[in-house]
PDB file of N, CA and C in Angstrom:
ATOM      1  N   UNK A   1      17.893  28.551  38.449  1.00  0.00           N
ATOM      2  CA  UNK A   1      16.855  29.337  37.900  1.00  0.00           C
ATOM      3  C   UNK A   1      16.450  30.546  38.891  1.00  0.00           C
ATOM      4  N   UNK A   2      16.325  30.037  40.159  1.00  0.00           N
ATOM      5  CA  UNK A   2      15.969  31.012  41.209  1.00  0.00           C
ATOM      6  C   UNK A   2      17.004  32.042  41.406  1.00  0.00           C
ATOM      7  N   UNK A   3      18.243  31.732  41.226  1.00  0.00           N
ATOM      8  CA  UNK A   3      19.327  32.699  41.372  1.00  0.00           C
ATOM      9  C   UNK A   3      19.270  33.743  40.327  1.00  0.00           C
ATOM     10  N   UNK A   4      18.966  33.363  39.093  1.00  0.00           N
ATOM     11  CA  UNK A   4      18.854  34.315  38.013  1.00  0.00           C
ATOM     12  C   UNK A   4      17.637  35.191  38.190  1.00  0.00           C
ATOM     13  N   UNK A   5      16.533  34.729  38.743  1.00  0.00           N
ATOM     14  CA  UNK A   5      15.334  35.437  38.936  1.00  0.00           C
ATOM     15  C   UNK A   5      15.635  36.475  40.044  1.00  0.00           C
ATOM     16  N   UNK A   6      16.202  35.969  41.081  1.00  0.00           N
ATOM     17  CA  UNK A   6      16.629  36.877  42.235  1.00  0.00           C
ATOM     18  C   UNK A   6      17.530  38.016  41.807  1.00  0.00           C
ATOM     19  N   UNK A   7      18.423  37.709  40.879  1.00  0.00           N
ATOM     20  CA  UNK A   7      19.468  38.653  40.321  1.00  0.00           C
ATOM     21  C   UNK A   7      18.696  39.710  39.561  1.00  0.00           C
ATOM     22  N   UNK A   8      17.809  39.236  38.618  1.00  0.00           N
ATOM     23  CA  UNK A   8      17.118  40.261  37.747  1.00  0.00           C
ATOM     24  C   UNK A   8      16.247  41.144  38.677  1.00  0.00           C
ATOM     25  N   UNK A   9      15.428  40.535  39.605  1.00  0.00           N
ATOM     26  CA  UNK A   9      14.496  41.273  40.463  1.00  0.00           C
ATOM     27  C   UNK A   9      15.380  42.360  41.214  1.00  0.00           C
ATOM     28  N   UNK A  10      16.449  41.944  41.808  1.00  0.00           N
ATOM     29  CA  UNK A  10      17.396  42.861  42.535  1.00  0.00           C
ATOM     30  C   UNK A  10      17.897  43.941  41.614  1.00  0.00           C
ATOM     31  N   UNK A  11      18.347  43.653  40.459  1.00  0.00           N
ATOM     32  CA  UNK A  11      18.826  44.653  39.491  1.00  0.00           C
ATOM     33  C   UNK A  11      17.639  45.735  39.172  1.00  0.00           C
ATOM     34  N   UNK A  12      16.498  45.220  38.837  1.00  0.00           N
ATOM     35  CA  UNK A  12      15.354  46.080  38.556  1.00  0.00           C
ATOM     36  C   UNK A  12      15.045  46.967  39.799  1.00  0.00           C
ATOM     37  N   UNK A  13      15.014  46.390  40.963  1.00  0.00           N
ATOM     38  CA  UNK A  13      14.722  47.132  42.164  1.00  0.00           C
ATOM     39  C   UNK A  13      15.749  48.235  42.358  1.00  0.00           C
ATOM     40  N   UNK A  14      17.011  47.953  42.141  1.00  0.00           N
ATOM     41  CA  UNK A  14      18.103  49.006  42.292  1.00  0.00           C
ATOM     42  C   UNK A  14      17.803  50.126  41.188  1.00  0.00           C
ATOM     43  N   UNK A  15      17.608  49.754  39.981  1.00  0.00           N
ATOM     44  CA  UNK A  15      17.448  50.762  38.957  1.00  0.00           C
ATOM     45  C   UNK A  15      16.262  51.637  39.100  1.00  0.00           C
ATOM     46  N   UNK A  16      15.144  51.120  39.570  1.00  0.00           N
ATOM     47  CA  UNK A  16      14.021  51.946  39.952  1.00  0.00           C
ATOM     48  C   UNK A  16      14.120  52.721  41.123  1.00  0.00           C
ATOM     49  N   UNK A  17      14.770  52.156  42.150  1.00  0.00           N
ATOM     50  CA  UNK A  17      15.000  52.882  43.367  1.00  0.00           C
ATOM     51  C   UNK A  17      15.915  54.042  43.258  1.00  0.00           C
ATOM     52  N   UNK A  18      16.924  53.879  42.399  1.00  0.00           N
ATOM     53  CA  UNK A  18      17.860  55.074  42.169  1.00  0.00           C
ATOM     54  C   UNK A  18      17.110  56.365  41.802  1.00  0.00           C
ATOM     55  N   UNK A  19      16.217  56.218  40.886  1.00  0.00           N
ATOM     56  CA  UNK A  19      15.456  57.373  40.443  1.00  0.00           C
ATOM     57  C   UNK A  19      14.492  57.882  41.410  1.00  0.00           C
ATOM     58  N   UNK A  20      13.708  56.898  42.059  1.00  0.00           N
ATOM     59  CA  UNK A  20      12.668  57.344  42.997  1.00  0.00           C
ATOM     60  C   UNK A  20      13.172  57.919  44.322  1.00  0.00           C
ATOM     61  N   UNK A  21      14.143  57.153  44.863  1.00  0.00           N
ATOM     62  CA  UNK A  21      14.567  57.533  46.188  1.00  0.00           C
ATOM     63  C   UNK A  21      15.755  58.538  46.278  1.00  0.00           C
ATOM     64  N   UNK A  22      16.609  58.605  45.171  1.00  0.00           N
ATOM     65  CA  UNK A  22      17.751  59.374  45.274  1.00  0.00           C
ATOM     66  C   UNK A  22      17.669  60.529  44.151  1.00  0.00           C
ATOM     67  N   UNK A  23      16.702  60.583  43.312  1.00  0.00           N
ATOM     68  CA  UNK A  23      16.695  61.440  42.177  1.00  0.00           C
ATOM     69  C   UNK A  23      15.412  62.438  42.459  1.00  0.00           C
ATOM     70  N   UNK A  24      14.806  62.900  41.370  1.00  0.00           N
ATOM     71  CA  UNK A  24      13.628  63.707  41.466  1.00  0.00           C
ATOM     72  C   UNK A  24      12.580  62.972  40.740  1.00  0.00           C
ATOM     73  N   UNK A  25      11.746  62.126  41.534  1.00  0.00           N
ATOM     74  CA  UNK A  25      10.735  61.323  40.869  1.00  0.00           C
ATOM     75  C   UNK A  25       9.579  62.023  40.328  1.00  0.00           C
ATOM     76  N   UNK A  26       9.270  63.145  40.878  1.00  0.00           N
ATOM     77  CA  UNK A  26       8.098  63.984  40.445  1.00  0.00           C
ATOM     78  C   UNK A  26       8.401  65.460  40.719  1.00  0.00           C
ATOM     79  N   UNK A  27       7.774  66.259  39.864  1.00  0.00           N
ATOM     80  CA  UNK A  27       8.062  67.748  40.110  1.00  0.00           C
ATOM     81  C   UNK A  27       6.591  68.378  40.117  1.00  0.00           C
ATOM     82  N   UNK A  28       6.192  68.910  41.190  1.00  0.00           N
ATOM     83  CA  UNK A  28       4.933  69.611  41.228  1.00  0.00           C
ATOM     84  C   UNK A  28       5.113  71.068  41.187  1.00  0.00           C
ATOM     85  N   UNK A  29       4.423  71.775  40.288  1.00  0.00           N
ATOM     86  CA  UNK A  29       4.650  73.192  40.076  1.00  0.00           C
ATOM     87  C   UNK A  29       3.534  73.844  40.830  1.00  0.00           C
ATOM     88  N   UNK A  30       3.703  74.520  41.938  1.00  0.00           N
ATOM     89  CA  UNK A  30       2.776  75.214  42.724  1.00  0.00           C
ATOM     90  C   UNK A  30       3.408  76.504  43.208  1.00  0.00           C
ATOM     91  N   UNK A  31       2.614  77.606  43.433  1.00  0.00           N
ATOM     92  CA  UNK A  31       3.093  78.854  43.903  1.00  0.00           C
ATOM     93  C   UNK A  31       2.547  79.088  45.305  1.00  0.00           C
ATOM     94  N   UNK A  32       3.448  79.573  46.111  1.00  0.00           N
ATOM     95  CA  UNK A  32       2.986  79.977  47.507  1.00  0.00           C
ATOM     96  C   UNK A  32       3.115  78.795  48.540  1.00  0.00           C
ATOM     97  N   UNK A  33       3.733  77.702  48.104  1.00  0.00           N
ATOM     98  CA  UNK A  33       3.790  76.522  49.034  1.00  0.00           C
ATOM     99  C   UNK A  33       5.229  76.045  48.931  1.00  0.00           C
ATOM    100  N   UNK A  34       5.719  75.600  50.022  1.00  0.00           N
ATOM    101  CA  UNK A  34       7.051  74.952  50.042  1.00  0.00           C
ATOM    102  C   UNK A  34       7.159  73.882  48.973  1.00  0.00           C
ATOM    103  N   UNK A  35       8.212  74.020  48.107  1.00  0.00           N
ATOM    104  CA  UNK A  35       8.369  73.096  46.983  1.00  0.00           C
ATOM    105  C   UNK A  35       8.660  71.663  47.502  1.00  0.00           C
ATOM    106  N   UNK A  36       9.508  71.526  48.408  1.00  0.00           N
ATOM    107  CA  UNK A  36       9.919  70.188  48.941  1.00  0.00           C
ATOM    108  C   UNK A  36       8.640  69.460  49.533  1.00  0.00           C
ATOM    109  N   UNK A  37       7.875  70.185  50.348  1.00  0.00           N
ATOM    110  CA  UNK A  37       6.647  69.652  50.903  1.00  0.00           C
ATOM    111  C   UNK A  37       5.728  69.269  49.840  1.00  0.00           C
ATOM    112  N   UNK A  38       5.477  70.112  48.844  1.00  0.00           N
ATOM    113  CA  UNK A  38       4.482  69.746  47.727  1.00  0.00           C
ATOM    114  C   UNK A  38       4.965  68.593  46.893  1.00  0.00           C
ATOM    115  N   UNK A  39       6.282  68.506  46.690  1.00  0.00           N
ATOM    116  CA  UNK A  39       6.752  67.347  45.871  1.00  0.00           C
ATOM    117  C   UNK A  39       6.565  66.008  46.577  1.00  0.00           C
ATOM    118  N   UNK A  40       6.789  66.025  47.989  1.00  0.00           N
ATOM    119  CA  UNK A  40       6.518  64.785  48.845  1.00  0.00           C
ATOM    120  C   UNK A  40       5.060  64.427  48.765  1.00  0.00           C
ATOM    121  N   UNK A  41       4.222  65.483  48.910  1.00  0.00           N
ATOM    122  CA  UNK A  41       2.719  65.272  48.888  1.00  0.00           C
ATOM    123  C   UNK A  41       2.307  64.708  47.541  1.00  0.00           C
ATOM    124  N   UNK A  42       2.741  65.218  46.388  1.00  0.00           N
ATOM    125  CA  UNK A  42       2.408  64.723  45.101  1.00  0.00           C
ATOM    126  C   UNK A  42       2.870  63.276  44.907  1.00  0.00           C
ATOM    127  N   UNK A  43       4.148  63.076  45.382  1.00  0.00           N
ATOM    128  CA  UNK A  43       4.671  61.698  45.178  1.00  0.00           C
ATOM    129  C   UNK A  43       3.810  60.633  45.985  1.00  0.00           C
ATOM    130  N   UNK A  44       3.302  60.999  47.182  1.00  0.00           N
ATOM    131  CA  UNK A  44       2.605  59.903  47.960  1.00  0.00           C
ATOM    132  C   UNK A  44       1.006  59.958  47.489  1.00  0.00           C
ATOM    133  N   UNK A  45       0.537  61.085  47.278  1.00  0.00           N
ATOM    134  CA  UNK A  45      -0.905  61.079  46.831  1.00  0.00           C
ATOM    135  C   UNK A  45      -1.133  61.003  45.409  1.00  0.00           C
ATOM    136  N   UNK A  46      -0.229  61.146  44.458  1.00  0.00           N
ATOM    137  CA  UNK A  46      -0.473  61.024  43.042  1.00  0.00           C
ATOM    138  C   UNK A  46      -0.935  62.478  42.513  1.00  0.00           C
ATOM    139  N   UNK A  47      -1.268  62.460  41.380  1.00  0.00           N
ATOM    140  CA  UNK A  47      -1.785  63.700  40.755  1.00  0.00           C
ATOM    141  C   UNK A  47      -2.916  63.488  39.669  1.00  0.00           C
ATOM    142  N   UNK A  48      -3.296  64.449  38.867  1.00  0.00           N
ATOM    143  CA  UNK A  48      -4.299  64.212  37.915  1.00  0.00           C
ATOM    144  C   UNK A  48      -4.136  65.252  36.771  1.00  0.00           C
ATOM    145  N   UNK A  49      -4.678  64.858  35.592  1.00  0.00           N
ATOM    146  CA  UNK A  49      -4.620  65.812  34.511  1.00  0.00           C
ATOM    147  C   UNK A  49      -6.162  65.848  34.051  1.00  0.00           C
ATOM    148  N   UNK A  50      -6.547  66.887  33.262  1.00  0.00           N
ATOM    149  CA  UNK A  50      -7.851  67.127  32.832  1.00  0.00           C
ATOM    150  C   UNK A  50      -7.897  66.763  31.404  1.00  0.00           C
ATOM    151  N   UNK A  51      -8.789  65.920  30.947  1.00  0.00           N
ATOM    152  CA  UNK A  51      -8.858  65.391  29.582  1.00  0.00           C
ATOM    153  C   UNK A  51      -9.184  66.540  28.629  1.00  0.00           C
ATOM    154  N   UNK A  52      -9.998  67.454  29.121  1.00  0.00           N
ATOM    155  CA  UNK A  52     -10.435  68.581  28.168  1.00  0.00           C
ATOM    156  C   UNK A  52      -9.275  69.546  27.837  1.00  0.00           C
ATOM    157  N   UNK A  53      -8.199  69.416  28.494  1.00  0.00           N
ATOM    158  CA  UNK A  53      -7.050  70.251  28.317  1.00  0.00           C
ATOM    159  C   UNK A  53      -5.872  69.570  27.543  1.00  0.00           C
ATOM    160  N   UNK A  54      -6.169  68.356  27.046  1.00  0.00           N
ATOM    161  CA  UNK A  54      -5.047  67.628  26.412  1.00  0.00           C
ATOM    162  C   UNK A  54      -4.913  67.994  24.906  1.00  0.00           C
ATOM    163  N   UNK A  55      -5.944  68.511  24.328  1.00  0.00           N
ATOM    164  CA  UNK A  55      -5.848  68.928  22.804  1.00  0.00           C
ATOM    165  C   UNK A  55      -6.551  70.267  22.659  1.00  0.00           C
ATOM    166  N   UNK A  56      -6.021  70.895  21.775  1.00  0.00           N
ATOM    167  CA  UNK A  56      -6.570  72.276  21.274  1.00  0.00           C
ATOM    168  C   UNK A  56      -7.223  71.974  19.992  1.00  0.00           C
ATOM    169  N   UNK A  57      -8.623  72.247  19.780  1.00  0.00           N
ATOM    170  CA  UNK A  57      -9.254  71.953  18.569  1.00  0.00           C
ATOM    171  C   UNK A  57      -8.737  72.716  17.417  1.00  0.00           C
ATOM    172  N   UNK A  58      -8.187  73.939  17.701  1.00  0.00           N
ATOM    173  CA  UNK A  58      -7.698  74.731  16.651  1.00  0.00           C
ATOM    174  C   UNK A  58      -6.284  74.423  16.149  1.00  0.00           C
ATOM    175  N   UNK A  59      -5.419  74.041  17.014  1.00  0.00           N
ATOM    176  CA  UNK A  59      -3.988  73.710  16.613  1.00  0.00           C
ATOM    177  C   UNK A  59      -3.702  72.277  16.777  1.00  0.00           C
ATOM    178  N   UNK A  60      -4.416  71.459  17.458  1.00  0.00           N
ATOM    179  CA  UNK A  60      -4.239  70.015  17.562  1.00  0.00           C
ATOM    180  C   UNK A  60      -3.386  69.676  18.827  1.00  0.00           C
ATOM    181  N   UNK A  61      -2.625  70.572  19.399  1.00  0.00           N
ATOM    182  CA  UNK A  61      -1.848  70.290  20.645  1.00  0.00           C
ATOM    183  C   UNK A  61      -1.840  71.582  21.564  1.00  0.00           C
ATOM    184  N   UNK A  62      -1.541  71.336  22.736  1.00  0.00           N
ATOM    185  CA  UNK A  62      -1.330  72.432  23.697  1.00  0.00           C
ATOM    186  C   UNK A  62       0.026  72.524  24.321  1.00  0.00           C
ATOM    187  N   UNK A  63       0.378  73.570  24.934  1.00  0.00           N
ATOM    188  CA  UNK A  63       1.676  73.723  25.568  1.00  0.00           C
ATOM    189  C   UNK A  63       1.905  72.783  26.760  1.00  0.00           C
ATOM    190  N   UNK A  64       0.911  72.838  27.675  1.00  0.00           N
ATOM    191  CA  UNK A  64       0.883  72.040  28.772  1.00  0.00           C
ATOM    192  C   UNK A  64      -0.370  71.119  28.906  1.00  0.00           C
ATOM    193  N   UNK A  65      -0.210  70.031  28.244  1.00  0.00           N
ATOM    194  CA  UNK A  65      -1.390  69.066  28.215  1.00  0.00           C
ATOM    195  C   UNK A  65      -1.871  68.656  29.472  1.00  0.00           C
ATOM    196  N   UNK A  66      -3.300  68.758  29.702  1.00  0.00           N
ATOM    197  CA  UNK A  66      -3.911  68.356  30.917  1.00  0.00           C
ATOM    198  C   UNK A  66      -3.933  69.284  32.016  1.00  0.00           C
ATOM    199  N   UNK A  67      -3.335  70.547  31.882  1.00  0.00           N
ATOM    200  CA  UNK A  67      -3.265  71.461  32.895  1.00  0.00           C
ATOM    201  C   UNK A  67      -4.222  72.612  32.559  1.00  0.00           C
ATOM    202  N   UNK A  68      -5.080  72.873  33.578  1.00  0.00           N
ATOM    203  CA  UNK A  68      -6.084  73.999  33.380  1.00  0.00           C
ATOM    204  C   UNK A  68      -6.945  74.032  34.625  1.00  0.00           C
ATOM    205  N   UNK A  69      -8.025  74.994  34.490  1.00  0.00           N
ATOM    206  CA  UNK A  69      -8.934  75.157  35.681  1.00  0.00           C
ATOM    207  C   UNK A  69      -9.933  73.957  35.663  1.00  0.00           C
ATOM    208  N   UNK A  70      -9.993  73.374  36.903  1.00  0.00           N
ATOM    209  CA  UNK A  70     -10.918  72.308  37.041  1.00  0.00           C
ATOM    210  C   UNK A  70     -12.313  72.793  37.271  1.00  0.00           C
ATOM    211  N   UNK A  71     -13.223  72.352  36.347  1.00  0.00           N
ATOM    212  CA  UNK A  71     -14.556  72.706  36.419  1.00  0.00           C
ATOM    213  C   UNK A  71     -15.376  71.437  36.623  1.00  0.00           C
ATOM    214  N   UNK A  72     -16.589  71.571  37.241  1.00  0.00           N
ATOM    215  CA  UNK A  72     -17.359  70.374  37.508  1.00  0.00           C
ATOM    216  C   UNK A  72     -17.618  69.384  36.412  1.00  0.00           C
ATOM    217  N   UNK A  73     -17.763  69.846  35.226  1.00  0.00           N
ATOM    218  CA  UNK A  73     -18.062  68.961  33.941  1.00  0.00           C
ATOM    219  C   UNK A  73     -16.761  68.401  33.418  1.00  0.00           C
ATOM    220  N   UNK A  74     -15.624  68.584  33.888  1.00  0.00           N
ATOM    221  CA  UNK A  74     -14.337  68.095  33.391  1.00  0.00           C
ATOM    222  C   UNK A  74     -14.108  66.631  33.764  1.00  0.00           C
ATOM    223  N   UNK A  75     -13.389  65.931  32.850  1.00  0.00           N
ATOM    224  CA  UNK A  75     -13.105  64.499  33.121  1.00  0.00           C
ATOM    225  C   UNK A  75     -11.672  64.562  33.742  1.00  0.00           C
ATOM    226  N   UNK A  76     -11.593  63.993  34.983  1.00  0.00           N
ATOM    227  CA  UNK A  76     -10.341  63.920  35.683  1.00  0.00           C
ATOM    228  C   UNK A  76      -9.703  62.573  35.378  1.00  0.00           C
ATOM    229  N   UNK A  77      -8.456  62.578  34.994  1.00  0.00           N
ATOM    230  CA  UNK A  77      -7.496  61.433  34.813  1.00  0.00           C
ATOM    231  C   UNK A  77      -6.541  61.294  35.948  1.00  0.00           C
ATOM    232  N   UNK A  78      -6.704  60.334  36.875  1.00  0.00           N
ATOM    233  CA  UNK A  78      -5.864  60.172  38.017  1.00  0.00           C
ATOM    234  C   UNK A  78      -4.598  59.432  37.554  1.00  0.00           C
ATOM    235  N   UNK A  79      -3.437  59.894  38.141  1.00  0.00           N
ATOM    236  CA  UNK A  79      -2.163  59.280  37.901  1.00  0.00           C
ATOM    237  C   UNK A  79      -1.584  58.883  39.274  1.00  0.00           C
ATOM    238  N   UNK A  80      -1.321  57.618  39.519  1.00  0.00           N
ATOM    239  CA  UNK A  80      -0.631  57.157  40.730  1.00  0.00           C
ATOM    240  C   UNK A  80       0.837  56.961  40.487  1.00  0.00           C
ATOM    241  N   UNK A  81       1.601  57.198  41.422  1.00  0.00           N
ATOM    242  CA  UNK A  81       3.049  56.903  41.294  1.00  0.00           C
ATOM    243  C   UNK A  81       3.337  55.673  42.140  1.00  0.00           C
ATOM    244  N   UNK A  82       3.934  54.711  41.550  1.00  0.00           N
ATOM    245  CA  UNK A  82       4.189  53.468  42.284  1.00  0.00           C
ATOM    246  C   UNK A  82       5.429  53.416  42.952  1.00  0.00           C
ATOM    247  N   UNK A  83       5.539  54.157  44.037  1.00  0.00           N
ATOM    248  CA  UNK A  83       6.794  54.414  44.846  1.00  0.00           C
ATOM    249  C   UNK A  83       7.242  53.169  45.566  1.00  0.00           C
ATOM    250  N   UNK A  84       6.192  52.153  45.704  1.00  0.00           N
ATOM    251  CA  UNK A  84       6.516  50.855  46.514  1.00  0.00           C
ATOM    252  C   UNK A  84       7.114  49.802  45.511  1.00  0.00           C
ATOM    253  N   UNK A  85       7.172  50.041  44.248  1.00  0.00           N
ATOM    254  CA  UNK A  85       7.668  49.010  43.399  1.00  0.00           C
ATOM    255  C   UNK A  85       9.071  48.522  43.619  1.00  0.00           C
ATOM    256  N   UNK A  86      10.052  49.375  43.882  1.00  0.00           N
ATOM    257  CA  UNK A  86      11.383  48.893  44.131  1.00  0.00           C
ATOM    258  C   UNK A  86      11.429  48.009  45.394  1.00  0.00           C
ATOM    259  N   UNK A  87      10.631  48.485  46.456  1.00  0.00           N
ATOM    260  CA  UNK A  87      10.668  47.655  47.726  1.00  0.00           C
ATOM    261  C   UNK A  87       9.955  46.281  47.519  1.00  0.00           C
ATOM    262  N   UNK A  88       8.952  46.298  46.687  1.00  0.00           N
ATOM    263  CA  UNK A  88       8.279  44.931  46.433  1.00  0.00           C
ATOM    264  C   UNK A  88       9.212  44.110  45.553  1.00  0.00           C
ATOM    265  N   UNK A  89       9.904  44.609  44.663  1.00  0.00           N
ATOM    266  CA  UNK A  89      10.904  43.909  43.898  1.00  0.00           C
ATOM    267  C   UNK A  89      12.042  43.271  44.787  1.00  0.00           C
ATOM    268  N   UNK A  90      12.490  44.107  45.684  1.00  0.00           N
ATOM    269  CA  UNK A  90      13.559  43.704  46.627  1.00  0.00           C
ATOM    270  C   UNK A  90      13.133  42.598  47.429  1.00  0.00           C
ATOM    271  N   UNK A  91      11.880  42.680  47.964  1.00  0.00           N
ATOM    272  CA  UNK A  91      11.287  41.526  48.755  1.00  0.00           C
ATOM    273  C   UNK A  91      11.079  40.313  47.889  1.00  0.00           C
ATOM    274  N   UNK A  92      10.726  40.367  46.707  1.00  0.00           N
ATOM    275  CA  UNK A  92      10.584  39.332  45.793  1.00  0.00           C
ATOM    276  C   UNK A  92      11.867  38.596  45.559  1.00  0.00           C
ATOM    277  N   UNK A  93      12.918  39.533  45.338  1.00  0.00           N
ATOM    278  CA  UNK A  93      14.246  38.877  45.066  1.00  0.00           C
ATOM    279  C   UNK A  93      14.626  38.062  46.324  1.00  0.00           C
ATOM    280  N   UNK A  94      14.520  38.626  47.503  1.00  0.00           N
ATOM    281  CA  UNK A  94      14.824  37.933  48.709  1.00  0.00           C
ATOM    282  C   UNK A  94      14.078  36.647  48.783  1.00  0.00           C
ATOM    283  N   UNK A  95      12.805  36.639  48.501  1.00  0.00           N
ATOM    284  CA  UNK A  95      11.934  35.430  48.568  1.00  0.00           C
ATOM    285  C   UNK A  95      12.497  34.364  47.617  1.00  0.00           C
ATOM    286  N   UNK A  96      13.131  34.737  46.506  1.00  0.00           N
ATOM    287  CA  UNK A  96      13.768  33.694  45.701  1.00  0.00           C
ATOM    288  C   UNK A  96      15.187  33.336  46.164  1.00  0.00           C
ATOM    289  N   UNK A  97      15.870  34.210  46.700  1.00  0.00           N
ATOM    290  CA  UNK A  97      17.298  33.941  47.049  1.00  0.00           C
ATOM    291  C   UNK A  97      17.433  33.234  48.388  1.00  0.00           C
ATOM    292  N   UNK A  98      16.631  33.642  49.430  1.00  0.00           N
ATOM    293  CA  UNK A  98      16.829  32.988  50.703  1.00  0.00           C
ATOM    294  C   UNK A  98      16.511  31.503  50.756  1.00  0.00           C
ATOM    295  N   UNK A  99      15.415  30.981  50.195  1.00  0.00           N
ATOM    296  CA  UNK A  99      15.215  29.563  49.997  1.00  0.00           C
ATOM    297  C   UNK A  99      16.437  28.763  49.430  1.00  0.00           C
ATOM    298  N   UNK A 100      16.899  29.424  48.354  1.00  0.00           N
ATOM    299  CA  UNK A 100      18.091  28.742  47.644  1.00  0.00           C
ATOM    300  C   UNK A 100      19.303  28.615  48.567  1.00  0.00           C
ATOM    301  N   UNK A 101      19.551  29.794  49.386  1.00  0.00           N
ATOM    302  CA  UNK A 101      20.640  29.756  50.266  1.00  0.00           C
ATOM    303  C   UNK A 101      20.380  28.623  51.331  1.00  0.00           C
ATOM    304  N   UNK A 102      19.215  28.525  51.855  1.00  0.00           N
ATOM    305  CA  UNK A 102      18.926  27.511  52.824  1.00  0.00           C
ATOM    306  C   UNK A 102      19.088  25.975  52.181  1.00  0.00           C
ATOM    307  N   UNK A 103      18.703  25.879  51.026  1.00  0.00           N
ATOM    308  CA  UNK A 103      18.910  24.524  50.383  1.00  0.00           C
ATOM    309  C   UNK A 103      20.287  24.114  50.114  1.00  0.00           C
ATOM    310  N   UNK A 104      21.139  25.129  49.699  1.00  0.00           N
ATOM    311  CA  UNK A 104      22.545  24.722  49.377  1.00  0.00           C
ATOM    312  C   UNK A 104      23.305  24.682  50.731  1.00  0.00           C
ATOM    313  N   UNK A 105      22.885  25.309  51.745  1.00  0.00           N
ATOM    314  CA  UNK A 105      23.594  25.126  53.079  1.00  0.00           C
ATOM    315  C   UNK A 105      23.282  23.838  53.670  1.00  0.00           C
ATOM    316  N   UNK A 106      22.091  23.245  53.442  1.00  0.00           N
ATOM    317  CA  UNK A 106      21.685  21.982  54.071  1.00  0.00           C
ATOM    318  C   UNK A 106      22.301  20.669  53.283  1.00  0.00           C
ATOM    319  N   UNK A 107      22.687  20.881  52.074  1.00  0.00           N
ATOM    320  CA  UNK A 107      23.086  19.807  51.273  1.00  0.00           C
ATOM    321  C   UNK A 107      24.639  19.494  51.638  1.00  0.00           C
TER     322      UNK A 107
END
């Protein structure tokens, strides 16, 4: 059972890590700032949307939901990016696999 668990955790770690560490995990749209720097900043710090800009009362939807000018009375919805999930899954897979290897080596 521990071998199957370790294999699944390892597989999920690889699948999530491919997108986050070798793809484009997030795209921040800003003007006047280096794009690579801003994308790293957004990936580490997270981002937010504004609830007041998610729907248009006249049409029912908007082109860019959650994007608009931040005013003091607006409700901010924070979004965190879980960049550490693949690493935690890999450590969990190792914690299942290593004891099994030790047990089979001693018998």
